[in-house]
Amino acid sequence: MNYVYLFAAIICEVIATSALKAAEGFTRLGPSVIVILGYGLAFYCLSLTLRTIPVGIAYALWSGIGIVLIALAGWVFYRQPLDGPAILGMALIVAGVLVINLFSRTAGH
């Protein structure tokens, strides 16, 4: 269940960060509300995750997966291009997340 909370935290953070651009410096109400609620829910879910998953592992997974998802959201919703080095870097991040989950004894499995 803790990884469900972590996944929920990641998704909420990605939604909030994607809405942050649309909020235009908190001058647009709708996206600003999404940002505030999304980050609040993300941190709440992360706090539930930290009951059993070590903070370093949880944060590594959250930030690594979040980076990739935010880059993809920017590409899809804001037409922000991803070049070869960006894609390679994200592939390395995904590889790191996989190594942590598959081989680390500290991952809380």
PDB file of N, CA and C in Angstrom:
ATOM      1  N   MET A   1       0.818  -1.203   0.000  1.00  0.00           N
ATOM      2  CA  MET A   1       0.000   0.000   0.000  1.00  0.00           C
ATOM      3  C   MET A   1       0.861   1.266   0.000  1.00  0.00           C
ATOM      4  N   ASN A   2       2.055   1.176   0.591  1.00  0.00           N
ATOM      5  CA  ASN A   2       2.911   2.358   0.662  1.00  0.00           C
ATOM      6  C   ASN A   2       3.362   2.833  -0.711  1.00  0.00           C
ATOM      7  N   TYR A   3       3.560   1.896  -1.630  1.00  0.00           N
ATOM      8  CA  TYR A   3       3.935   2.303  -2.985  1.00  0.00           C
ATOM      9  C   TYR A   3       2.749   2.898  -3.731  1.00  0.00           C
ATOM     10  N   VAL A   4       1.535   2.548  -3.337  1.00  0.00           N
ATOM     11  CA  VAL A   4       0.342   3.191  -3.904  1.00  0.00           C
ATOM     12  C   VAL A   4       0.321   4.654  -3.476  1.00  0.00           C
ATOM     13  N   TYR A   5       0.608   4.900  -2.190  1.00  0.00           N
ATOM     14  CA  TYR A   5       0.685   6.285  -1.714  1.00  0.00           C
ATOM     15  C   TYR A   5       1.794   7.058  -2.421  1.00  0.00           C
ATOM     16  N   LEU A   6       2.916   6.407  -2.631  1.00  0.00           N
ATOM     17  CA  LEU A   6       4.020   7.069  -3.324  1.00  0.00           C
ATOM     18  C   LEU A   6       3.631   7.397  -4.763  1.00  0.00           C
ATOM     19  N   PHE A   7       2.988   6.452  -5.445  1.00  0.00           N
ATOM     20  CA  PHE A   7       2.541   6.708  -6.815  1.00  0.00           C
ATOM     21  C   PHE A   7       1.525   7.848  -6.840  1.00  0.00           C
ATOM     22  N   ALA A   8       0.609   7.880  -5.869  1.00  0.00           N
ATOM     23  CA  ALA A   8      -0.364   8.973  -5.786  1.00  0.00           C
ATOM     24  C   ALA A   8       0.340  10.312  -5.560  1.00  0.00           C
ATOM     25  N   ALA A   9       1.367  10.314  -4.704  1.00  0.00           N
ATOM     26  CA  ALA A   9       2.134  11.542  -4.460  1.00  0.00           C
ATOM     27  C   ALA A   9       2.793  12.027  -5.745  1.00  0.00           C
ATOM     28  N   ILE A  10       3.352  11.104  -6.503  1.00  0.00           N
ATOM     29  CA  ILE A  10       4.017  11.463  -7.759  1.00  0.00           C
ATOM     30  C   ILE A  10       3.016  12.049  -8.745  1.00  0.00           C
ATOM     31  N   ILE A  11       1.880  11.401  -8.900  1.00  0.00           N
ATOM     32  CA  ILE A  11       0.871  11.880  -9.850  1.00  0.00           C
ATOM     33  C   ILE A  11       0.347  13.253  -9.437  1.00  0.00           C
ATOM     34  N   CYS A  12       0.078  13.450  -8.152  1.00  0.00           N
ATOM     35  CA  CYS A  12      -0.393  14.754  -7.682  1.00  0.00           C
ATOM     36  C   CYS A  12       0.647  15.841  -7.908  1.00  0.00           C
ATOM     37  N   GLU A  13       1.901  15.503  -7.688  1.00  0.00           N
ATOM     38  CA  GLU A  13       2.979  16.476  -7.894  1.00  0.00           C
ATOM     39  C   GLU A  13       3.114  16.822  -9.365  1.00  0.00           C
ATOM     40  N   VAL A  14       2.981  15.852 -10.239  1.00  0.00           N
ATOM     41  CA  VAL A  14       3.077  16.094 -11.678  1.00  0.00           C
ATOM     42  C   VAL A  14       1.918  16.977 -12.144  1.00  0.00           C
ATOM     43  N   ILE A  15       0.727  16.694 -11.654  1.00  0.00           N
ATOM     44  CA  ILE A  15      -0.431  17.523 -12.011  1.00  0.00           C
ATOM     45  C   ILE A  15      -0.228  18.954 -11.514  1.00  0.00           C
ATOM     46  N   ALA A  16       0.218  19.098 -10.267  1.00  0.00           N
ATOM     47  CA  ALA A  16       0.432  20.430  -9.701  1.00  0.00           C
ATOM     48  C   ALA A  16       1.511  21.196 -10.459  1.00  0.00           C
ATOM     49  N   THR A  17       2.606  20.528 -10.771  1.00  0.00           N
ATOM     50  CA  THR A  17       3.694  21.199 -11.486  1.00  0.00           C
ATOM     51  C   THR A  17       3.271  21.576 -12.896  1.00  0.00           C
ATOM     52  N   SER A  18       2.504  20.724 -13.544  1.00  0.00           N
ATOM     53  CA  SER A  18       2.003  21.048 -14.888  1.00  0.00           C
ATOM     54  C   SER A  18       1.067  22.252 -14.836  1.00  0.00           C
ATOM     55  N   ALA A  19       0.247  22.328 -13.798  1.00  0.00           N
ATOM     56  CA  ALA A  19      -0.667  23.455 -13.651  1.00  0.00           C
ATOM     57  C   ALA A  19       0.070  24.735 -13.262  1.00  0.00           C
ATOM     58  N   LEU A  20       1.261  24.602 -12.685  1.00  0.00           N
ATOM     59  CA  LEU A  20       2.023  25.775 -12.264  1.00  0.00           C
ATOM     60  C   LEU A  20       2.327  26.694 -13.447  1.00  0.00           C
ATOM     61  N   LYS A  21       2.654  26.119 -14.587  1.00  0.00           N
ATOM     62  CA  LYS A  21       2.898  26.938 -15.778  1.00  0.00           C
ATOM     63  C   LYS A  21       1.615  27.645 -16.206  1.00  0.00           C
ATOM     64  N   ALA A  22       0.505  26.899 -16.192  1.00  0.00           N
ATOM     65  CA  ALA A  22      -0.775  27.475 -16.604  1.00  0.00           C
ATOM     66  C   ALA A  22      -1.275  28.535 -15.618  1.00  0.00           C
ATOM     67  N   ALA A  23      -0.813  28.479 -14.361  1.00  0.00           N
ATOM     68  CA  ALA A  23      -1.244  29.453 -13.357  1.00  0.00           C
ATOM     69  C   ALA A  23      -0.680  30.845 -13.625  1.00  0.00           C
ATOM     70  N   GLU A  24       0.352  30.912 -14.466  1.00  0.00           N
ATOM     71  CA  GLU A  24       0.958  32.190 -14.865  1.00  0.00           C
ATOM     72  C   GLU A  24       1.230  33.095 -13.662  1.00  0.00           C
ATOM     73  N   GLY A  25       2.089  32.578 -12.767  1.00  0.00           N
ATOM     74  CA  GLY A  25       2.470  33.370 -11.589  1.00  0.00           C
ATOM     75  C   GLY A  25       1.320  33.544 -10.611  1.00  0.00           C
ATOM     76  N   PHE A  26       0.441  32.588 -10.533  1.00  0.00           N
ATOM     77  CA  PHE A  26      -0.741  32.606  -9.666  1.00  0.00           C
ATOM     78  C   PHE A  26      -1.688  33.750 -10.008  1.00  0.00           C
ATOM     79  N   THR A  27      -1.743  34.113 -11.287  1.00  0.00           N
ATOM     80  CA  THR A  27      -2.678  35.148 -11.723  1.00  0.00           C
ATOM     81  C   THR A  27      -3.961  34.550 -12.281  1.00  0.00           C
ATOM     82  N   ARG A  28      -3.996  33.232 -12.480  1.00  0.00           N
ATOM     83  CA  ARG A  28      -5.199  32.554 -12.974  1.00  0.00           C
ATOM     84  C   ARG A  28      -5.716  31.630 -11.870  1.00  0.00           C
ATOM     85  N   LEU A  29      -6.958  31.825 -11.477  1.00  0.00           N
ATOM     86  CA  LEU A  29      -7.521  31.145 -10.311  1.00  0.00           C
ATOM     87  C   LEU A  29      -7.577  29.624 -10.458  1.00  0.00           C
ATOM     88  N   GLY A  30      -8.153  29.129 -11.543  1.00  0.00           N
ATOM     89  CA  GLY A  30      -8.329  27.685 -11.701  1.00  0.00           C
ATOM     90  C   GLY A  30      -7.034  26.898 -11.590  1.00  0.00           C
ATOM     91  N   PRO A  31      -6.055  27.217 -12.434  1.00  0.00           N
ATOM     92  CA  PRO A  31      -4.786  26.502 -12.322  1.00  0.00           C
ATOM     93  C   PRO A  31      -4.084  26.710 -10.977  1.00  0.00           C
ATOM     94  N   SER A  32      -4.248  27.885 -10.368  1.00  0.00           N
ATOM     95  CA  SER A  32      -3.632  28.151  -9.061  1.00  0.00           C
ATOM     96  C   SER A  32      -4.213  27.239  -7.989  1.00  0.00           C
ATOM     97  N   VAL A  33      -5.518  27.016  -8.036  1.00  0.00           N
ATOM     98  CA  VAL A  33      -6.164  26.106  -7.084  1.00  0.00           C
ATOM     99  C   VAL A  33      -5.647  24.683  -7.283  1.00  0.00           C
ATOM    100  N   ILE A  34      -5.493  24.272  -8.532  1.00  0.00           N
ATOM    101  CA  ILE A  34      -4.962  22.933  -8.834  1.00  0.00           C
ATOM    102  C   ILE A  34      -3.543  22.792  -8.278  1.00  0.00           C
ATOM    103  N   VAL A  35      -2.729  23.826  -8.422  1.00  0.00           N
ATOM    104  CA  VAL A  35      -1.358  23.802  -7.902  1.00  0.00           C
ATOM    105  C   VAL A  35      -1.365  23.597  -6.383  1.00  0.00           C
ATOM    106  N   ILE A  36      -2.128  24.397  -5.690  1.00  0.00           N
ATOM    107  CA  ILE A  36      -2.145  24.341  -4.226  1.00  0.00           C
ATOM    108  C   ILE A  36      -2.686  23.001  -3.728  1.00  0.00           C
ATOM    109  N   LEU A  37      -3.798  22.564  -4.280  1.00  0.00           N
ATOM    110  CA  LEU A  37      -4.373  21.285  -3.867  1.00  0.00           C
ATOM    111  C   LEU A  37      -3.467  20.116  -4.253  1.00  0.00           C
ATOM    112  N   GLY A  38      -2.901  20.178  -5.447  1.00  0.00           N
ATOM    113  CA  GLY A  38      -2.035  19.096  -5.915  1.00  0.00           C
ATOM    114  C   GLY A  38      -0.801  18.922  -5.056  1.00  0.00           C
ATOM    115  N   TYR A  39      -0.131  20.026  -4.744  1.00  0.00           N
ATOM    116  CA  TYR A  39       1.057  19.928  -3.890  1.00  0.00           C
ATOM    117  C   TYR A  39       0.695  19.496  -2.472  1.00  0.00           C
ATOM    118  N   GLY A  40      -0.414  20.016  -1.948  1.00  0.00           N
ATOM    119  CA  GLY A  40      -0.842  19.612  -0.607  1.00  0.00           C
ATOM    120  C   GLY A  40      -1.120  18.119  -0.541  1.00  0.00           C
ATOM    121  N   LEU A  41      -1.832  17.599  -1.515  1.00  0.00           N
ATOM    122  CA  LEU A  41      -2.136  16.169  -1.549  1.00  0.00           C
ATOM    123  C   LEU A  41      -0.874  15.346  -1.796  1.00  0.00           C
ATOM    124  N   ALA A  42       0.016  15.860  -2.631  1.00  0.00           N
ATOM    125  CA  ALA A  42       1.271  15.144  -2.903  1.00  0.00           C
ATOM    126  C   ALA A  42       2.087  14.981  -1.623  1.00  0.00           C
ATOM    127  N   PHE A  43       2.218  16.051  -0.853  1.00  0.00           N
ATOM    128  CA  PHE A  43       3.005  15.959   0.375  1.00  0.00           C
ATOM    129  C   PHE A  43       2.311  15.101   1.428  1.00  0.00           C
ATOM    130  N   TYR A  44       0.979  15.146   1.475  1.00  0.00           N
ATOM    131  CA  TYR A  44       0.261  14.271   2.401  1.00  0.00           C
ATOM    132  C   TYR A  44       0.515  12.801   2.049  1.00  0.00           C
ATOM    133  N   CYS A  45       0.370  12.451   0.761  1.00  0.00           N
ATOM    134  CA  CYS A  45       0.611  11.065   0.345  1.00  0.00           C
ATOM    135  C   CYS A  45       2.065  10.664   0.583  1.00  0.00           C
ATOM    136  N   LEU A  46       2.984  11.582   0.348  1.00  0.00           N
ATOM    137  CA  LEU A  46       4.391  11.282   0.606  1.00  0.00           C
ATOM    138  C   LEU A  46       4.614  11.021   2.089  1.00  0.00           C
ATOM    139  N   SER A  47       3.954  11.772   2.945  1.00  0.00           N
ATOM    140  CA  SER A  47       4.123  11.557   4.385  1.00  0.00           C
ATOM    141  C   SER A  47       3.619  10.174   4.799  1.00  0.00           C
ATOM    142  N   LEU A  48       2.568   9.694   4.170  1.00  0.00           N
ATOM    143  CA  LEU A  48       2.082   8.341   4.455  1.00  0.00           C
ATOM    144  C   LEU A  48       3.085   7.292   3.985  1.00  0.00           C
ATOM    145  N   THR A  49       3.708   7.562   2.863  1.00  0.00           N
ATOM    146  CA  THR A  49       4.716   6.656   2.317  1.00  0.00           C
ATOM    147  C   THR A  49       5.895   6.513   3.265  1.00  0.00           C
ATOM    148  N   LEU A  50       6.277   7.612   3.892  1.00  0.00           N
ATOM    149  CA  LEU A  50       7.475   7.624   4.730  1.00  0.00           C
ATOM    150  C   LEU A  50       7.309   6.868   6.039  1.00  0.00           C
ATOM    151  N   ARG A  51       6.134   6.346   6.287  1.00  0.00           N
ATOM    152  CA  ARG A  51       5.944   5.498   7.467  1.00  0.00           C
ATOM    153  C   ARG A  51       6.786   4.229   7.381  1.00  0.00           C
ATOM    154  N   THR A  52       6.969   3.724   6.163  1.00  0.00           N
ATOM    155  CA  THR A  52       7.694   2.455   6.016  1.00  0.00           C
ATOM    156  C   THR A  52       8.813   2.489   4.978  1.00  0.00           C
ATOM    157  N   ILE A  53       8.753   3.381   4.018  1.00  0.00           N
ATOM    158  CA  ILE A  53       9.801   3.459   2.994  1.00  0.00           C
ATOM    159  C   ILE A  53      10.816   4.504   3.442  1.00  0.00           C
ATOM    160  N   PRO A  54      12.110   4.180   3.431  1.00  0.00           N
ATOM    161  CA  PRO A  54      13.126   5.163   3.832  1.00  0.00           C
ATOM    162  C   PRO A  54      13.022   6.447   2.997  1.00  0.00           C
ATOM    163  N   VAL A  55      13.251   7.579   3.646  1.00  0.00           N
ATOM    164  CA  VAL A  55      13.071   8.877   3.000  1.00  0.00           C
ATOM    165  C   VAL A  55      13.941   9.026   1.743  1.00  0.00           C
ATOM    166  N   GLY A  56      15.169   8.545   1.792  1.00  0.00           N
ATOM    167  CA  GLY A  56      16.047   8.668   0.623  1.00  0.00           C
ATOM    168  C   GLY A  56      15.532   7.879  -0.570  1.00  0.00           C
ATOM    169  N   ILE A  57      15.036   6.693  -0.312  1.00  0.00           N
ATOM    170  CA  ILE A  57      14.492   5.856  -1.385  1.00  0.00           C
ATOM    171  C   ILE A  57      13.209   6.469  -1.928  1.00  0.00           C
ATOM    172  N   ALA A  58      12.318   6.876  -1.039  1.00  0.00           N
ATOM    173  CA  ALA A  58      11.053   7.474  -1.480  1.00  0.00           C
ATOM    174  C   ALA A  58      11.300   8.723  -2.303  1.00  0.00           C
ATOM    175  N   TYR A  59      12.211   9.568  -1.850  1.00  0.00           N
ATOM    176  CA  TYR A  59      12.468  10.811  -2.570  1.00  0.00           C
ATOM    177  C   TYR A  59      13.161  10.548  -3.903  1.00  0.00           C
ATOM    178  N   ALA A  60      14.054   9.573  -3.929  1.00  0.00           N
ATOM    179  CA  ALA A  60      14.708   9.231  -5.200  1.00  0.00           C
ATOM    180  C   ALA A  60      13.681   8.762  -6.224  1.00  0.00           C
ATOM    181  N   LEU A  61      12.763   7.923  -5.788  1.00  0.00           N
ATOM    182  CA  LEU A  61      11.727   7.444  -6.696  1.00  0.00           C
ATOM    183  C   LEU A  61      10.797   8.575  -7.110  1.00  0.00           C
ATOM    184  N   TRP A  62      10.383   9.387  -6.137  1.00  0.00           N
ATOM    185  CA  TRP A  62       9.472  10.492  -6.418  1.00  0.00           C
ATOM    186  C   TRP A  62      10.102  11.465  -7.419  1.00  0.00           C
ATOM    187  N   SER A  63      11.313  11.870  -7.143  1.00  0.00           N
ATOM    188  CA  SER A  63      11.931  12.863  -8.022  1.00  0.00           C
ATOM    189  C   SER A  63      12.285  12.274  -9.383  1.00  0.00           C
ATOM    190  N   GLY A  64      12.793  11.042  -9.406  1.00  0.00           N
ATOM    191  CA  GLY A  64      13.170  10.435 -10.687  1.00  0.00           C
ATOM    192  C   GLY A  64      11.984  10.222 -11.607  1.00  0.00           C
ATOM    193  N   ILE A  65      10.949   9.607 -11.072  1.00  0.00           N
ATOM    194  CA  ILE A  65       9.750   9.369 -11.887  1.00  0.00           C
ATOM    195  C   ILE A  65       9.080  10.698 -12.229  1.00  0.00           C
ATOM    196  N   GLY A  66       9.063  11.609 -11.253  1.00  0.00           N
ATOM    197  CA  GLY A  66       8.460  12.919 -11.493  1.00  0.00           C
ATOM    198  C   GLY A  66       9.143  13.694 -12.606  1.00  0.00           C
ATOM    199  N   ILE A  67      10.469  13.644 -12.659  1.00  0.00           N
ATOM    200  CA  ILE A  67      11.214  14.335 -13.717  1.00  0.00           C
ATOM    201  C   ILE A  67      10.775  13.846 -15.091  1.00  0.00           C
ATOM    202  N   VAL A  68      10.699  12.548 -15.230  1.00  0.00           N
ATOM    203  CA  VAL A  68      10.319  11.970 -16.520  1.00  0.00           C
ATOM    204  C   VAL A  68       8.879  12.344 -16.885  1.00  0.00           C
ATOM    205  N   LEU A  69       7.974  12.213 -15.923  1.00  0.00           N
ATOM    206  CA  LEU A  69       6.572  12.525 -16.212  1.00  0.00           C
ATOM    207  C   LEU A  69       6.347  14.005 -16.493  1.00  0.00           C
ATOM    208  N   ILE A  70       7.056  14.881 -15.765  1.00  0.00           N
ATOM    209  CA  ILE A  70       6.931  16.322 -16.026  1.00  0.00           C
ATOM    210  C   ILE A  70       7.459  16.668 -17.411  1.00  0.00           C
ATOM    211  N   ALA A  71       8.580  16.072 -17.794  1.00  0.00           N
ATOM    212  CA  ALA A  71       9.121  16.323 -19.133  1.00  0.00           C
ATOM    213  C   ALA A  71       8.139  15.864 -20.208  1.00  0.00           C
ATOM    214  N   LEU A  72       7.526  14.713 -19.981  1.00  0.00           N
ATOM    215  CA  LEU A  72       6.527  14.223 -20.943  1.00  0.00           C
ATOM    216  C   LEU A  72       5.293  15.119 -20.977  1.00  0.00           C
ATOM    217  N   ALA A  73       4.857  15.594 -19.804  1.00  0.00           N
ATOM    218  CA  ALA A  73       3.713  16.504 -19.761  1.00  0.00           C
ATOM    219  C   ALA A  73       4.033  17.806 -20.486  1.00  0.00           C
ATOM    220  N   GLY A  74       5.243  18.330 -20.299  1.00  0.00           N
ATOM    221  CA  GLY A  74       5.653  19.545 -21.015  1.00  0.00           C
ATOM    222  C   GLY A  74       5.661  19.331 -22.514  1.00  0.00           C
ATOM    223  N   TRP A  75       6.085  18.169 -22.929  1.00  0.00           N
ATOM    224  CA  TRP A  75       6.121  17.831 -24.359  1.00  0.00           C
ATOM    225  C   TRP A  75       4.696  17.733 -24.932  1.00  0.00           C
ATOM    226  N   VAL A  76       3.810  17.066 -24.198  1.00  0.00           N
ATOM    227  CA  VAL A  76       2.444  16.840 -24.692  1.00  0.00           C
ATOM    228  C   VAL A  76       1.592  18.097 -24.602  1.00  0.00           C
ATOM    229  N   PHE A  77       1.577  18.757 -23.437  1.00  0.00           N
ATOM    230  CA  PHE A  77       0.647  19.857 -23.209  1.00  0.00           C
ATOM    231  C   PHE A  77       1.181  21.228 -23.603  1.00  0.00           C
ATOM    232  N   TYR A  78       2.491  21.408 -23.540  1.00  0.00           N
ATOM    233  CA  TYR A  78       3.070  22.723 -23.815  1.00  0.00           C
ATOM    234  C   TYR A  78       3.977  22.731 -25.042  1.00  0.00           C
ATOM    235  N   ARG A  79       4.017  21.616 -25.743  1.00  0.00           N
ATOM    236  CA  ARG A  79       4.816  21.494 -26.979  1.00  0.00           C
ATOM    237  C   ARG A  79       6.285  21.836 -26.755  1.00  0.00           C
ATOM    238  N   GLN A  80       6.811  21.471 -25.582  1.00  0.00           N
ATOM    239  CA  GLN A  80       8.217  21.706 -25.274  1.00  0.00           C
ATOM    240  C   GLN A  80       9.014  20.505 -25.781  1.00  0.00           C
ATOM    241  N   PRO A  81       9.899  20.726 -26.746  1.00  0.00           N
ATOM    242  CA  PRO A  81      10.591  19.586 -27.365  1.00  0.00           C
ATOM    243  C   PRO A  81      11.608  18.924 -26.433  1.00  0.00           C
ATOM    244  N   LEU A  82      11.824  17.642 -26.679  1.00  0.00           N
ATOM    245  CA  LEU A  82      12.847  16.875 -25.975  1.00  0.00           C
ATOM    246  C   LEU A  82      13.871  16.426 -27.009  1.00  0.00           C
ATOM    247  N   ASP A  83      15.129  16.820 -26.824  1.00  0.00           N
ATOM    248  CA  ASP A  83      16.161  16.399 -27.763  1.00  0.00           C
ATOM    249  C   ASP A  83      16.817  15.105 -27.294  1.00  0.00           C
ATOM    250  N   GLY A  84      17.753  14.622 -28.076  1.00  0.00           N
ATOM    251  CA  GLY A  84      18.420  13.357 -27.777  1.00  0.00           C
ATOM    252  C   GLY A  84      19.064  13.307 -26.402  1.00  0.00           C
ATOM    253  N   PRO A  85      19.864  14.307 -26.023  1.00  0.00           N
ATOM    254  CA  PRO A  85      20.473  14.273 -24.690  1.00  0.00           C
ATOM    255  C   PRO A  85      19.436  14.275 -23.560  1.00  0.00           C
ATOM    256  N   ALA A  86      18.325  14.984 -23.737  1.00  0.00           N
ATOM    257  CA  ALA A  86      17.275  14.987 -22.714  1.00  0.00           C
ATOM    258  C   ALA A  86      16.655  13.596 -22.576  1.00  0.00           C
ATOM    259  N   ILE A  87      16.388  12.965 -23.700  1.00  0.00           N
ATOM    260  CA  ILE A  87      15.808  11.623 -23.674  1.00  0.00           C
ATOM    261  C   ILE A  87      16.797  10.629 -23.071  1.00  0.00           C
ATOM    262  N   LEU A  88      18.067  10.738 -23.426  1.00  0.00           N
ATOM    263  CA  LEU A  88      19.086   9.860 -22.855  1.00  0.00           C
ATOM    264  C   LEU A  88      19.175  10.056 -21.337  1.00  0.00           C
ATOM    265  N   GLY A  89      19.183  11.298 -20.905  1.00  0.00           N
ATOM    266  CA  GLY A  89      19.246  11.582 -19.476  1.00  0.00           C
ATOM    267  C   GLY A  89      18.061  11.000 -18.727  1.00  0.00           C
ATOM    268  N   MET A  90      16.885  11.122 -19.309  1.00  0.00           N
ATOM    269  CA  MET A  90      15.705  10.554 -18.663  1.00  0.00           C
ATOM    270  C   MET A  90      15.748   9.033 -18.664  1.00  0.00           C
ATOM    271  N   ALA A  91      16.297   8.438 -19.701  1.00  0.00           N
ATOM    272  CA  ALA A  91      16.451   6.978 -19.724  1.00  0.00           C
ATOM    273  C   ALA A  91      17.396   6.534 -18.611  1.00  0.00           C
ATOM    274  N   LEU A  92      18.440   7.305 -18.360  1.00  0.00           N
ATOM    275  CA  LEU A  92      19.348   6.982 -17.258  1.00  0.00           C
ATOM    276  C   LEU A  92      18.661   7.127 -15.899  1.00  0.00           C
ATOM    277  N   ILE A  93      17.790   8.119 -15.774  1.00  0.00           N
ATOM    278  CA  ILE A  93      17.030   8.282 -14.538  1.00  0.00           C
ATOM    279  C   ILE A  93      16.119   7.078 -14.323  1.00  0.00           C
ATOM    280  N   VAL A  94      15.426   6.650 -15.366  1.00  0.00           N
ATOM    281  CA  VAL A  94      14.560   5.467 -15.266  1.00  0.00           C
ATOM    282  C   VAL A  94      15.389   4.244 -14.887  1.00  0.00           C
ATOM    283  N   ALA A  95      16.575   4.115 -15.483  1.00  0.00           N
ATOM    284  CA  ALA A  95      17.451   2.989 -15.141  1.00  0.00           C
ATOM    285  C   ALA A  95      17.822   3.042 -13.660  1.00  0.00           C
ATOM    286  N   GLY A  96      18.098   4.222 -13.146  1.00  0.00           N
ATOM    287  CA  GLY A  96      18.420   4.361 -11.727  1.00  0.00           C
ATOM    288  C   GLY A  96      17.259   3.975 -10.830  1.00  0.00           C
ATOM    289  N   VAL A  97      16.058   4.373 -11.199  1.00  0.00           N
ATOM    290  CA  VAL A  97      14.867   4.011 -10.432  1.00  0.00           C
ATOM    291  C   VAL A  97      14.682   2.494 -10.442  1.00  0.00           C
ATOM    292  N   LEU A  98      14.904   1.876 -11.590  1.00  0.00           N
ATOM    293  CA  LEU A  98      14.795   0.415 -11.671  1.00  0.00           C
ATOM    294  C   LEU A  98      15.837  -0.281 -10.808  1.00  0.00           C
ATOM    295  N   VAL A  99      17.060   0.212 -10.822  1.00  0.00           N
ATOM    296  CA  VAL A  99      18.113  -0.382  -9.997  1.00  0.00           C
ATOM    297  C   VAL A  99      17.731  -0.309  -8.525  1.00  0.00           C
ATOM    298  N   ILE A 100      17.228   0.846  -8.102  1.00  0.00           N
ATOM    299  CA  ILE A 100      16.821   1.000  -6.702  1.00  0.00           C
ATOM    300  C   ILE A 100      15.727  -0.003  -6.353  1.00  0.00           C
ATOM    301  N   ASN A 101      14.717  -0.099  -7.200  1.00  0.00           N
ATOM    302  CA  ASN A 101      13.581  -0.974  -6.886  1.00  0.00           C
ATOM    303  C   ASN A 101      13.904  -2.445  -6.995  1.00  0.00           C
ATOM    304  N   LEU A 102      14.740  -2.808  -7.939  1.00  0.00           N
ATOM    305  CA  LEU A 102      15.015  -4.228  -8.158  1.00  0.00           C
ATOM    306  C   LEU A 102      16.141  -4.787  -7.295  1.00  0.00           C
ATOM    307  N   PHE A 103      17.118  -3.950  -6.940  1.00  0.00           N
ATOM    308  CA  PHE A 103      18.315  -4.489  -6.300  1.00  0.00           C
ATOM    309  C   PHE A 103      18.633  -3.932  -4.912  1.00  0.00           C
ATOM    310  N   SER A 104      18.033  -2.834  -4.519  1.00  0.00           N
ATOM    311  CA  SER A 104      18.359  -2.245  -3.228  1.00  0.00           C
ATOM    312  C   SER A 104      17.602  -2.941  -2.103  1.00  0.00           C
ATOM    313  N   ARG A 105      18.326  -3.306  -1.061  1.00  0.00           N
ATOM    314  CA  ARG A 105      17.693  -3.899   0.118  1.00  0.00           C
ATOM    315  C   ARG A 105      17.071  -2.847   1.006  1.00  0.00           C
ATOM    316  N   THR A 106      17.403  -1.577   0.778  1.00  0.00           N
ATOM    317  CA  THR A 106      16.857  -0.512   1.610  1.00  0.00           C
ATOM    318  C   THR A 106      15.543   0.035   1.041  1.00  0.00           C
ATOM    319  N   ALA A 107      15.071  -0.526  -0.046  1.00  0.00           N
ATOM    320  CA  ALA A 107      13.868   0.003  -0.695  1.00  0.00           C
ATOM    321  C   ALA A 107      12.574  -0.313   0.047  1.00  0.00           C
ATOM    322  N   GLY A 108      12.654  -1.061   1.130  1.00  0.00           N
ATOM    323  CA  GLY A 108      11.483  -1.317   1.952  1.00  0.00           C
ATOM    324  C   GLY A 108      10.542  -2.371   1.398  1.00  0.00           C
ATOM    325  N   HIS A 109      11.060  -3.304   0.635  1.00  0.00           N
ATOM    326  CA  HIS A 109      10.214  -4.377   0.071  1.00  0.00           C
ATOM    327  C   HIS A 109       9.899  -5.389   1.147  1.00  0.00           C
TER     328      HIS A 109
END
